[in-house]
Amino acid sequence: MTQGKSVLVALVVILAAAGGYWAGQRGAAPGATSTSSAASGKAERKLLYYRNPMGLPDTSPVPKKDNMGMDYIPVYEGEEAPADGGKQLNIGTEKVQKLGVRVEAISLRPLDKLLRVAGRVEVDERRIHTVAPKFEGWIEKLYVNATGQAVAKGEPLFEVYSPELLSAQKEYAIAAQGASYLSSASDEARAGMQRLADSALARLRNWDIPPEQIQALEKSGEAKRTLTFRAPAAGVVTEKKAVQGMRFSPGDTLYQVVDVSSVWVLADVYEQDIAAVHAGSLVRVRLDAYPGKVFEGKVDYVYPTLKAETRTVPVRIVLANPGGLLKPAMYAQVEIPASGKEKLLTVPVSAVIDSGTRKVVLVQMAEGKFEPREVKLGARSDDYVAVLEGLKDGEKVVVNGNFLIDAESNLKAALGGFASAEGTKQAAEAKSVGHQATGTLDAVDAKAGTVTVTHQPIASLKWPKMTMDFVLANPSLVAGVKPGAKIAIEIVERKPGEWVITSLKAQGSGK
């Protein structure tokens, strides 16, 4: 009986265990099926490649790190780049307004430009006069004895004594008197004496003896011991070799007088611009000596030669100089208007983003949608540049705020690299354009548009403290900030390896 009870109890236990197992299996089946599905679903995600975390066109079939030490991001099937290659930028309307984006339709227009070239003031070679006697003699008296002295036309310069001149005067006086005494002589005798007088007179004239002195000689019949040389033109004595008492030979230059009432400006125009410069064009000239004063003149001559060293062509400009303000050898800034004859497809200069290796404009495809377009550029004016390839007439391009859009697009590419769960926090922190840093302004290169900054560690980029060169988004960012100042900056990467400062403030000031 006891044995029978034991068997019965054992049977009940077995049946209960079996029932519990069956019930457990029924209750666990849905959960087990879900887990199995999830596992199989996860297994079904096909890994395609690993992409650059900064959005650069660089992929890898295996895991790797970029040059900043950041892990490449895995890309699974269904997460590929969009069909347009990711070229189109989508920016919300509010963001567009915040960035101050302004667009303008491109069109055909004559490309008028203003050539700004360097020049120098020179004397007008056609207004240079020299005083060089044609006979031998001695200087007995100087009236003008200093270089730079202003003289009027006909003003006495010096007196000379010449035995040859004195002899020629006496010869003419004797011949002239003899011709009058032989009035009753034969025709042959009178003709011979007249030829002698004419020969002496021609010699005096060939020696540039003033007509009034010859007339006085004819009236008085007395030869003067000295002859006075006078200024051939009004101007300034730029060269003086005459010394009182010195002996000179025929052809020696004793004085040089330059009329400076009109001067030349020789401007050096670059080879690529010379076709736009023509004789008769009106120009404006400015000199450092007279700030704010503008001198107007005309292009007188375009020289037929090119300076191989500078690849420039000299252009001669004539300027009136009534007050003598323009001094030879002064440097000048010359503005030459150059009008284009044909209409060209042009865009505002501000629309072009020049990375150094390519030139890009942002084309508005729709409201809030922009497409970067690489273009080939031609001639340039102050405000516009000709587009040879890449755009069509009527397309709208961004002319203001394009750099910020460019920075925003780089940021979006960077944020795309942090799409993983581990990078979600960093993506949220990077919603504002750029990375923040503090440091010291070491140097400013205004010509290159760059600054040297020693910055503290930048956590968002995992950069240690170091000294770097940055490009300025706008030169005005460093206005009033001197090297050595403590600064706070915001930077973005415009292209691989090129970091641009979009905001710079001196710490401790209101700037």
Protein backbone atom coordinates (compact mmCIF):
# COMPACT_ATOMS: atom_id res chain seq x y z
CA MET A 1 0.00 0.00 0.00
CA THR A 2 2.81 2.30 0.93
CA GLN A 3 4.60 1.34 -2.26
CA GLY A 4 1.43 2.13 -4.27
CA LYS A 5 1.14 5.55 -2.73
CA SER A 6 4.75 6.28 -3.55
CA VAL A 7 4.23 5.38 -7.19
CA LEU A 8 1.11 7.55 -7.32
CA VAL A 9 2.96 10.55 -5.85
CA ALA A 10 5.82 10.10 -8.27
CA LEU A 11 3.38 9.97 -11.17
CA VAL A 12 1.69 13.20 -10.03
CA VAL A 13 5.05 14.97 -9.73
CA ILE A 14 6.05 13.88 -13.22
CA LEU A 15 2.77 15.06 -14.69
CA ALA A 16 3.03 18.42 -12.88
CA ALA A 17 6.55 18.92 -14.14
CA ALA A 18 5.49 18.04 -17.64
CA GLY A 19 2.55 20.42 -17.44
CA GLY A 20 4.74 23.20 -16.10
CA TYR A 21 7.23 22.67 -18.84
CA TRP A 22 4.46 22.73 -21.47
CA ALA A 23 2.96 25.87 -19.94
CA GLY A 24 6.38 27.48 -19.72
CA GLN A 25 7.01 26.69 -23.32
CA ARG A 26 3.69 28.24 -24.33
CA GLY A 27 4.34 31.38 -22.26
CA ALA A 28 7.93 31.73 -23.39
CA ALA A 29 7.26 31.14 -27.05
CA PRO A 30 6.32 34.75 -27.94
CA GLY A 31 9.35 36.15 -26.18
CA ALA A 32 11.65 33.61 -27.70
CA THR A 33 10.26 34.28 -31.13
CA SER A 34 10.81 38.10 -30.72
CA THR A 35 14.37 37.64 -29.54
CA SER A 36 15.09 35.34 -32.39
CA SER A 37 13.55 37.79 -34.84
CA ALA A 38 15.57 40.69 -33.47
CA ALA A 39 18.71 38.66 -33.66
CA SER A 40 17.97 37.59 -37.17
CA GLY A 41 16.97 41.20 -38.10
CA LYS A 42 20.24 42.52 -36.73
CA ALA A 43 22.12 39.89 -38.59
CA GLU A 44 20.34 40.92 -41.78
CA ARG A 45 21.81 44.53 -41.67
CA LYS A 46 24.58 44.43 -44.22
CA LEU A 47 27.69 46.52 -43.49
CA LEU A 48 28.70 48.35 -46.67
CA TYR A 49 31.75 50.40 -45.66
CA TYR A 50 33.15 52.90 -43.17
CA ARG A 51 32.96 56.61 -44.00
CA ASN A 52 34.97 59.64 -42.92
CA PRO A 53 33.52 61.12 -39.71
CA MET A 54 33.96 64.69 -41.07
CA GLY A 55 31.88 64.02 -44.17
CA LEU A 56 34.85 63.98 -46.54
CA PRO A 57 34.65 61.78 -49.67
CA ASP A 58 36.79 59.04 -48.12
CA THR A 59 35.63 55.50 -47.31
CA SER A 60 37.27 52.36 -46.04
CA PRO A 61 36.23 48.67 -46.16
CA VAL A 62 37.71 48.14 -42.68
CA PRO A 63 37.59 50.20 -39.45
CA LYS A 64 40.17 53.01 -39.25
CA LYS A 65 40.82 56.46 -37.77
CA ASP A 66 41.25 59.82 -39.48
CA ASN A 67 44.18 62.19 -38.97
CA MET A 68 42.39 63.71 -35.95
CA GLY A 69 42.10 60.32 -34.24
CA MET A 70 38.35 59.99 -34.84
CA ASP A 71 36.83 56.61 -35.72
CA TYR A 72 35.33 56.13 -39.16
CA ILE A 73 31.53 55.60 -39.06
CA PRO A 74 30.00 52.29 -40.26
CA VAL A 75 27.46 52.62 -43.08
CA TYR A 76 24.84 49.88 -43.44
CA GLU A 77 22.64 49.02 -46.36
CA GLY A 78 19.95 51.67 -46.71
CA GLU A 79 22.15 54.42 -45.26
CA GLU A 80 23.98 55.28 -48.49
CA ALA A 81 24.48 58.84 -49.70
CA PRO A 82 21.50 60.38 -51.52
CA ALA A 83 21.20 60.16 -55.29
CA ASP A 84 22.47 63.72 -55.80
CA GLY A 85 25.69 62.81 -54.07
CA GLY A 86 24.84 64.99 -51.08
CA LYS A 87 25.71 68.10 -53.06
CA GLN A 88 22.46 69.94 -52.35
CA LEU A 89 22.33 71.80 -49.06
CA ASN A 90 19.01 72.05 -47.27
CA ILE A 91 18.81 74.89 -44.76
CA GLY A 92 15.67 75.94 -42.96
CA THR A 93 14.05 79.28 -43.71
CA GLU A 94 14.74 80.57 -40.22
CA LYS A 95 18.38 79.59 -40.53
CA VAL A 96 18.62 81.32 -43.91
CA GLN A 97 17.25 84.52 -42.39
CA LYS A 98 19.56 84.21 -39.39
CA LEU A 99 22.60 83.86 -41.63
CA GLY A 100 21.56 86.96 -43.61
CA VAL A 101 21.56 85.10 -46.92
CA ARG A 102 20.92 87.26 -49.99
CA VAL A 103 20.68 85.99 -53.56
CA GLU A 104 21.00 87.76 -56.90
CA ALA A 105 20.22 86.62 -60.44
CA ILE A 106 23.25 86.55 -62.70
CA SER A 107 23.01 88.33 -66.04
CA LEU A 108 24.88 89.55 -69.11
CA ARG A 109 26.52 92.95 -68.67
CA PRO A 110 29.55 94.90 -69.93
CA LEU A 111 32.41 94.32 -67.53
CA ASP A 112 33.56 97.83 -66.68
CA LYS A 113 36.55 97.85 -64.43
CA LEU A 114 38.89 100.35 -62.88
CA LEU A 115 42.57 99.59 -63.25
CA ARG A 116 44.60 100.68 -60.24
CA VAL A 117 48.29 100.75 -61.00
CA ALA A 118 51.43 102.32 -59.61
CA GLY A 119 53.19 105.19 -61.35
CA ARG A 120 55.83 107.87 -60.88
CA VAL A 121 56.04 111.51 -61.82
CA GLU A 122 58.59 112.37 -64.53
CA VAL A 123 59.50 115.56 -66.34
CA ASP A 124 58.01 116.11 -69.78
CA GLU A 125 60.90 115.30 -72.11
CA ARG A 126 59.47 117.72 -74.67
CA ARG A 127 59.91 120.59 -72.21
CA ILE A 128 63.61 120.13 -71.47
CA HIS A 129 65.89 122.91 -72.74
CA THR A 130 69.67 123.03 -72.67
CA VAL A 131 72.03 126.01 -72.98
CA ALA A 132 75.16 124.97 -74.87
CA PRO A 133 77.21 127.70 -76.69
CA LYS A 134 78.40 126.91 -80.20
CA PHE A 135 81.69 128.71 -79.81
CA GLU A 136 84.61 128.70 -77.42
CA GLY A 137 84.79 131.24 -74.62
CA TRP A 138 84.98 132.08 -70.89
CA ILE A 139 82.21 132.77 -68.38
CA GLU A 140 82.68 136.21 -66.93
CA LYS A 141 79.50 136.63 -64.89
CA LEU A 142 76.71 134.39 -63.55
CA TYR A 143 73.18 135.63 -62.98
CA VAL A 144 71.69 132.23 -62.09
CA ASN A 145 74.07 130.31 -59.89
CA ALA A 146 72.02 127.57 -58.18
CA THR A 147 70.33 124.35 -59.28
CA GLY A 148 66.57 124.36 -58.64
CA GLN A 149 66.25 128.11 -59.19
CA ALA A 150 63.14 129.14 -61.09
CA VAL A 151 63.70 131.33 -64.15
CA ALA A 152 61.44 133.20 -66.56
CA LYS A 153 61.76 133.02 -70.32
CA GLY A 154 64.41 135.53 -71.50
CA GLU A 155 65.88 136.00 -68.03
CA PRO A 156 69.74 136.47 -68.11
CA LEU A 157 71.67 133.35 -67.16
CA PHE A 158 75.34 134.34 -67.66
CA GLU A 159 77.73 136.53 -69.71
CA VAL A 160 80.59 135.15 -71.79
CA TYR A 161 83.69 136.50 -73.47
CA SER A 162 84.84 134.90 -76.73
CA PRO A 163 87.62 136.11 -79.04
CA GLU A 164 85.87 134.33 -81.92
CA LEU A 165 82.61 136.12 -81.20
CA LEU A 166 84.32 139.48 -80.87
CA SER A 167 86.19 138.94 -84.16
CA ALA A 168 82.97 137.93 -85.96
CA GLN A 169 81.21 141.08 -84.71
CA LYS A 170 84.02 143.33 -85.90
CA GLU A 171 84.11 141.57 -89.24
CA TYR A 172 80.40 142.13 -89.73
CA ALA A 173 80.62 145.78 -88.65
CA ILE A 174 83.49 146.47 -91.10
CA ALA A 175 81.73 144.65 -93.95
CA ALA A 176 78.47 146.51 -93.31
CA GLN A 177 80.27 149.89 -93.27
CA GLY A 178 82.27 148.96 -96.37
CA ALA A 179 79.12 148.11 -98.27
CA SER A 180 77.71 151.58 -97.50
CA TYR A 181 80.98 153.30 -98.50
CA LEU A 182 81.04 151.51 -101.85
CA SER A 183 77.69 152.85 -102.96
CA SER A 184 79.37 154.65 -105.86
CA ALA A 185 81.71 151.78 -106.73
CA SER A 186 81.17 149.15 -109.37
CA ASP A 187 78.47 146.56 -108.97
CA GLU A 188 81.04 143.82 -108.63
CA ALA A 189 82.80 145.57 -105.74
CA ARG A 190 79.53 146.25 -103.93
CA ALA A 191 78.40 142.66 -104.43
CA GLY A 192 81.67 141.30 -103.03
CA MET A 193 81.49 143.51 -99.95
CA GLN A 194 77.83 142.58 -99.40
CA ARG A 195 78.68 138.87 -99.57
CA LEU A 196 81.33 139.43 -96.90
CA ALA A 197 78.80 141.21 -94.65
CA ASP A 198 76.18 138.48 -95.19
CA SER A 199 78.72 135.78 -94.34
CA ALA A 200 79.65 137.48 -91.07
CA LEU A 201 75.97 137.99 -90.22
CA ALA A 202 75.16 134.31 -90.92
CA ARG A 203 77.97 133.24 -88.59
CA LEU A 204 76.57 135.41 -85.78
CA ARG A 205 73.11 133.99 -86.30
CA ASN A 206 74.43 130.43 -86.37
CA TRP A 207 76.03 131.09 -82.98
CA ASP A 208 72.58 132.06 -81.63
CA ILE A 209 73.45 135.71 -81.11
CA PRO A 210 70.19 137.48 -80.14
CA PRO A 211 68.63 139.57 -82.96
CA GLU A 212 68.53 142.68 -80.76
CA GLN A 213 72.29 142.52 -80.27
CA ILE A 214 72.85 142.20 -84.03
CA GLN A 215 70.60 145.20 -84.64
CA ALA A 216 72.53 147.22 -82.08
CA LEU A 217 75.74 146.22 -83.82
CA GLU A 218 74.39 147.37 -87.18
CA LYS A 219 73.38 150.77 -85.76
CA SER A 220 76.45 151.53 -83.67
CA GLY A 221 79.07 149.60 -85.58
CA GLU A 222 80.71 148.75 -82.24
CA ALA A 223 81.30 145.14 -81.24
CA LYS A 224 80.46 144.20 -77.64
CA ARG A 225 83.13 142.41 -75.64
CA THR A 226 80.68 140.01 -73.95
CA LEU A 227 77.46 138.27 -74.86
CA THR A 228 74.54 137.61 -72.48
CA PHE A 229 72.86 134.18 -72.64
CA ARG A 230 69.21 134.11 -71.61
CA ALA A 231 66.79 131.38 -70.46
CA PRO A 232 65.20 129.70 -73.50
CA ALA A 233 61.98 128.96 -71.57
CA ALA A 234 60.32 129.47 -68.21
CA GLY A 235 61.03 126.68 -65.79
CA VAL A 236 63.44 125.35 -63.21
CA VAL A 237 67.20 124.93 -63.53
CA THR A 238 67.73 121.19 -63.12
CA GLU A 239 71.37 121.14 -64.17
CA LYS A 240 74.08 123.78 -63.80
CA LYS A 241 77.66 123.21 -64.85
CA ALA A 242 78.55 126.84 -65.40
CA VAL A 243 81.09 128.29 -62.94
CA GLN A 244 82.23 131.88 -63.05
CA GLY A 245 85.59 132.19 -64.81
CA MET A 246 85.51 128.73 -66.37
CA ARG A 247 86.46 128.05 -69.98
CA PHE A 248 83.99 126.14 -72.13
CA SER A 249 84.21 124.48 -75.51
CA PRO A 250 81.63 124.44 -78.31
CA GLY A 251 78.74 122.12 -77.40
CA ASP A 252 79.34 122.02 -73.64
CA THR A 253 76.01 121.97 -71.72
CA LEU A 254 76.19 124.76 -69.18
CA TYR A 255 72.54 124.86 -68.08
CA GLN A 256 69.45 122.68 -68.33
CA VAL A 257 66.06 124.34 -67.83
CA VAL A 258 62.88 122.27 -67.50
CA ASP A 259 59.37 123.63 -67.89
CA VAL A 260 57.38 121.91 -65.09
CA SER A 261 54.03 123.51 -65.83
CA SER A 262 53.12 120.12 -67.31
CA VAL A 263 54.55 116.76 -66.28
CA TRP A 264 54.31 113.09 -67.17
CA VAL A 265 53.15 110.22 -64.99
CA LEU A 266 54.52 106.88 -66.18
CA ALA A 267 52.16 104.12 -65.02
CA ASP A 268 53.03 100.42 -65.15
CA VAL A 269 50.01 98.48 -66.46
CA TYR A 270 50.04 94.69 -66.20
CA GLU A 271 50.19 92.66 -69.37
CA GLN A 272 46.68 91.19 -68.99
CA ASP A 273 45.11 94.66 -68.66
CA ILE A 274 46.93 96.57 -71.37
CA ALA A 275 44.32 95.80 -74.06
CA ALA A 276 41.80 97.93 -72.14
CA VAL A 277 44.01 101.05 -72.09
CA HIS A 278 43.84 103.51 -74.98
CA ALA A 279 45.30 106.91 -75.76
CA GLY A 280 42.93 109.69 -74.78
CA SER A 281 41.41 107.86 -71.81
CA LEU A 282 40.76 110.09 -68.81
CA VAL A 283 42.59 109.04 -65.64
CA ARG A 284 42.76 110.05 -61.99
CA VAL A 285 46.02 110.31 -60.09
CA ARG A 286 46.54 110.37 -56.33
CA LEU A 287 49.76 111.01 -54.45
CA ASP A 288 50.70 110.26 -50.85
CA ALA A 289 52.03 113.82 -50.56
CA TYR A 290 48.53 115.29 -51.00
CA PRO A 291 45.94 113.03 -49.31
CA GLY A 292 42.44 113.53 -50.63
CA LYS A 293 43.58 115.53 -53.67
CA VAL A 294 42.87 114.08 -57.11
CA PHE A 295 44.71 115.12 -60.27
CA GLU A 296 43.04 114.48 -63.61
CA GLY A 297 44.83 113.85 -66.88
CA LYS A 298 44.79 111.85 -70.10
CA VAL A 299 46.61 108.83 -71.44
CA ASP A 300 49.01 110.31 -73.96
CA TYR A 301 50.88 107.25 -75.18
CA VAL A 302 51.04 103.48 -74.64
CA TYR A 303 54.63 102.34 -75.07
CA PRO A 304 55.28 99.49 -77.54
CA THR A 305 57.64 97.63 -75.21
CA LEU A 306 57.08 95.27 -72.26
CA LYS A 307 59.23 95.10 -69.15
CA ALA A 308 60.15 91.43 -68.89
CA GLU A 309 61.04 91.70 -65.19
CA THR A 310 57.62 92.97 -64.08
CA ARG A 311 55.46 91.95 -67.06
CA THR A 312 54.15 95.51 -67.30
CA VAL A 313 53.79 98.05 -70.12
CA PRO A 314 54.58 101.74 -69.45
CA VAL A 315 51.70 104.11 -70.10
CA ARG A 316 52.38 107.85 -70.37
CA ILE A 317 49.91 110.26 -68.80
CA VAL A 318 50.08 114.04 -69.20
CA LEU A 319 49.10 116.17 -66.20
CA ALA A 320 48.90 119.93 -65.88
CA ASN A 321 51.03 121.20 -62.99
CA PRO A 322 50.30 124.92 -62.65
CA GLY A 323 51.19 125.13 -58.97
CA GLY A 324 54.28 122.98 -59.22
CA LEU A 325 52.83 120.47 -56.73
CA LEU A 326 53.90 117.48 -58.77
CA LYS A 327 57.61 116.85 -58.29
CA PRO A 328 59.63 114.51 -60.50
CA ALA A 329 60.24 111.07 -58.92
CA MET A 330 57.09 111.20 -56.74
CA TYR A 331 55.17 107.93 -56.54
CA ALA A 332 51.55 107.96 -57.65
CA GLN A 333 48.47 105.73 -57.61
CA VAL A 334 46.78 105.81 -60.99
CA GLU A 335 43.15 104.87 -61.73
CA ILE A 336 42.39 104.09 -65.36
CA PRO A 337 38.74 103.32 -66.27
CA ALA A 338 38.51 100.40 -68.69
CA SER A 339 35.14 99.84 -70.36
CA GLY A 340 34.22 96.43 -71.72
CA LYS A 341 32.79 96.36 -75.25
CA GLU A 342 30.97 93.02 -75.14
CA LYS A 343 28.45 91.73 -72.61
CA LEU A 344 29.63 88.84 -70.44
CA LEU A 345 27.91 86.52 -68.00
CA THR A 346 28.97 87.90 -64.63
CA VAL A 347 28.42 87.30 -60.92
CA PRO A 348 29.21 89.59 -57.99
CA VAL A 349 32.70 89.06 -56.62
CA SER A 350 31.19 88.36 -53.20
CA ALA A 351 29.42 85.28 -54.61
CA VAL A 352 32.66 83.39 -55.23
CA ILE A 353 34.13 81.14 -52.55
CA ASP A 354 37.80 80.73 -53.44
CA SER A 355 39.41 77.80 -51.63
CA GLY A 356 42.71 78.24 -53.42
CA THR A 357 42.31 75.02 -55.42
CA ARG A 358 38.85 75.68 -56.86
CA LYS A 359 36.26 78.44 -57.11
CA VAL A 360 32.69 77.70 -56.05
CA VAL A 361 29.39 79.60 -56.00
CA LEU A 362 26.19 78.56 -54.21
CA VAL A 363 23.22 78.35 -56.58
CA GLN A 364 19.72 78.64 -55.10
CA MET A 365 17.70 75.70 -56.45
CA ALA A 366 14.62 76.45 -54.34
CA GLU A 367 13.70 78.17 -51.08
CA GLY A 368 16.24 76.92 -48.53
CA LYS A 369 17.95 74.61 -51.06
CA PHE A 370 21.42 75.46 -52.37
CA GLU A 371 23.83 73.66 -54.67
CA PRO A 372 27.59 74.29 -54.65
CA ARG A 373 28.75 74.79 -58.23
CA GLU A 374 32.38 74.88 -59.33
CA VAL A 375 32.97 77.65 -61.88
CA LYS A 376 35.68 78.88 -64.20
CA LEU A 377 36.23 82.63 -64.00
CA GLY A 378 37.52 85.21 -66.46
CA ALA A 379 38.07 88.98 -66.37
CA ARG A 380 37.32 90.80 -63.13
CA SER A 381 36.16 94.29 -62.19
CA ASP A 382 35.83 95.83 -58.74
CA ASP A 383 32.33 94.40 -58.19
CA TYR A 384 31.82 91.66 -60.78
CA VAL A 385 33.72 88.76 -62.33
CA ALA A 386 33.02 87.03 -65.65
CA VAL A 387 31.95 83.37 -65.51
CA LEU A 388 33.25 81.25 -68.38
CA GLU A 389 31.89 77.87 -67.27
CA GLY A 390 29.54 76.48 -64.63
CA LEU A 391 26.52 78.84 -64.65
CA LYS A 392 23.65 79.88 -66.90
CA ASP A 393 22.00 83.23 -67.42
CA GLY A 394 19.18 83.82 -64.94
CA GLU A 395 20.33 81.41 -62.22
CA LYS A 396 20.32 82.85 -58.71
CA VAL A 397 23.50 82.77 -56.68
CA VAL A 398 24.17 83.60 -53.04
CA VAL A 399 25.97 86.94 -52.78
CA ASN A 400 25.81 87.41 -49.02
CA GLY A 401 26.15 84.76 -46.30
CA ASN A 402 27.65 82.19 -48.65
CA PHE A 403 30.62 81.60 -46.41
CA LEU A 404 28.33 80.86 -43.46
CA ILE A 405 26.34 78.44 -45.60
CA ASP A 406 29.60 76.78 -46.60
CA ALA A 407 30.57 76.53 -42.94
CA GLU A 408 27.10 75.18 -42.12
CA SER A 409 27.45 72.50 -44.79
CA ASN A 410 30.79 71.41 -43.36
CA LEU A 411 29.21 71.29 -39.92
CA LYS A 412 26.35 69.15 -41.17
CA ALA A 413 28.85 66.75 -42.69
CA ALA A 414 30.64 66.64 -39.36
CA LEU A 415 27.38 66.08 -37.46
CA GLY A 416 26.54 63.26 -39.83
CA GLY A 417 29.66 61.51 -38.61
CA PHE A 418 28.35 61.51 -35.04
CA ALA A 419 25.05 59.80 -35.86
CA SER A 420 25.94 56.80 -33.71
CA ALA A 421 24.59 56.56 -30.17
CA GLU A 422 28.03 57.30 -28.79
CA GLY A 423 28.24 60.59 -30.73
CA THR A 424 24.74 61.91 -30.05
CA LYS A 425 25.91 64.15 -27.20
CA GLN A 426 28.73 65.66 -29.28
CA ALA A 427 26.29 66.33 -32.14
CA ALA A 428 23.96 68.19 -29.81
CA GLU A 429 26.83 70.32 -28.53
CA ALA A 430 27.91 71.17 -32.09
CA LYS A 431 24.56 72.59 -33.25
CA SER A 432 26.08 76.07 -33.36
CA VAL A 433 28.51 76.69 -36.23
CA GLY A 434 32.15 76.15 -35.31
CA HIS A 435 34.28 75.20 -32.33
CA GLN A 436 35.04 77.51 -29.41
CA ALA A 437 38.55 78.16 -28.12
CA THR A 438 40.58 80.65 -26.11
CA GLY A 439 44.18 81.66 -26.51
CA THR A 440 46.65 84.42 -27.35
CA LEU A 441 46.91 86.40 -30.60
CA ASP A 442 50.58 86.06 -31.59
CA ALA A 443 50.74 87.79 -34.99
CA VAL A 444 48.59 89.28 -37.77
CA ASP A 445 49.40 89.04 -41.48
CA ALA A 446 47.03 91.60 -42.98
CA LYS A 447 48.23 90.98 -46.54
CA ALA A 448 47.60 87.22 -46.40
CA GLY A 449 44.47 87.59 -44.24
CA THR A 450 45.78 85.19 -41.60
CA VAL A 451 46.62 85.25 -37.89
CA THR A 452 48.84 83.15 -35.67
CA VAL A 453 47.16 82.01 -32.45
CA THR A 454 48.38 79.94 -29.50
CA HIS A 455 45.14 78.26 -28.35
CA GLN A 456 44.29 76.22 -25.28
CA PRO A 457 43.14 72.58 -25.68
CA ILE A 458 39.92 72.27 -27.74
CA ALA A 459 37.85 69.42 -26.34
CA SER A 460 35.38 69.27 -29.24
CA LEU A 461 38.24 68.58 -31.64
CA LYS A 462 40.44 66.65 -29.19
CA TRP A 463 43.24 69.12 -29.88
CA PRO A 464 46.00 69.82 -27.34
CA LYS A 465 47.38 73.29 -26.69
CA MET A 466 49.38 74.45 -29.72
CA THR A 467 50.25 77.39 -32.00
CA MET A 468 48.52 77.47 -35.41
CA ASP A 469 47.85 79.75 -38.36
CA PHE A 470 44.19 80.54 -39.06
CA VAL A 471 42.45 82.25 -42.00
CA LEU A 472 40.26 85.24 -41.12
CA ALA A 473 36.69 85.13 -42.45
CA ASN A 474 36.81 88.93 -42.43
CA PRO A 475 39.87 91.17 -41.85
CA SER A 476 37.74 93.42 -39.63
CA LEU A 477 37.68 90.68 -36.99
CA VAL A 478 41.11 91.80 -35.72
CA ALA A 479 40.42 95.53 -35.90
CA GLY A 480 41.63 97.06 -32.66
CA VAL A 481 43.08 93.77 -31.36
CA LYS A 482 46.85 93.85 -30.99
CA PRO A 483 49.29 90.90 -30.91
CA GLY A 484 49.71 89.61 -27.39
CA ALA A 485 46.02 90.05 -26.49
CA LYS A 486 44.02 87.25 -24.88
CA ILE A 487 41.22 86.25 -27.24
CA ALA A 488 38.20 83.97 -27.61
CA ILE A 489 37.61 82.54 -31.08
CA GLU A 490 35.18 80.41 -33.04
CA ILE A 491 36.60 78.27 -35.84
CA VAL A 492 35.26 76.11 -38.68
CA GLU A 493 37.00 73.89 -41.19
CA ARG A 494 36.30 75.30 -44.64
CA LYS A 495 38.23 72.54 -46.38
CA PRO A 496 40.51 69.73 -45.15
CA GLY A 497 43.30 71.31 -43.16
CA GLU A 498 42.08 74.93 -43.61
CA TRP A 499 40.63 76.34 -40.38
CA VAL A 500 38.85 79.67 -40.52
CA ILE A 501 38.11 82.08 -37.67
CA THR A 502 34.49 83.29 -37.94
CA SER A 503 34.46 85.15 -34.60
CA LEU A 504 37.25 86.78 -32.60
CA LYS A 505 36.83 88.76 -29.38
CA ALA A 506 39.40 90.23 -27.06
CA GLN A 507 38.80 88.84 -23.60
CA GLY A 508 38.03 91.40 -20.98
CA SER A 509 36.73 93.98 -23.56
CA GLY A 510 33.44 94.62 -25.17
CA LYS A 511 34.68 93.69 -28.58
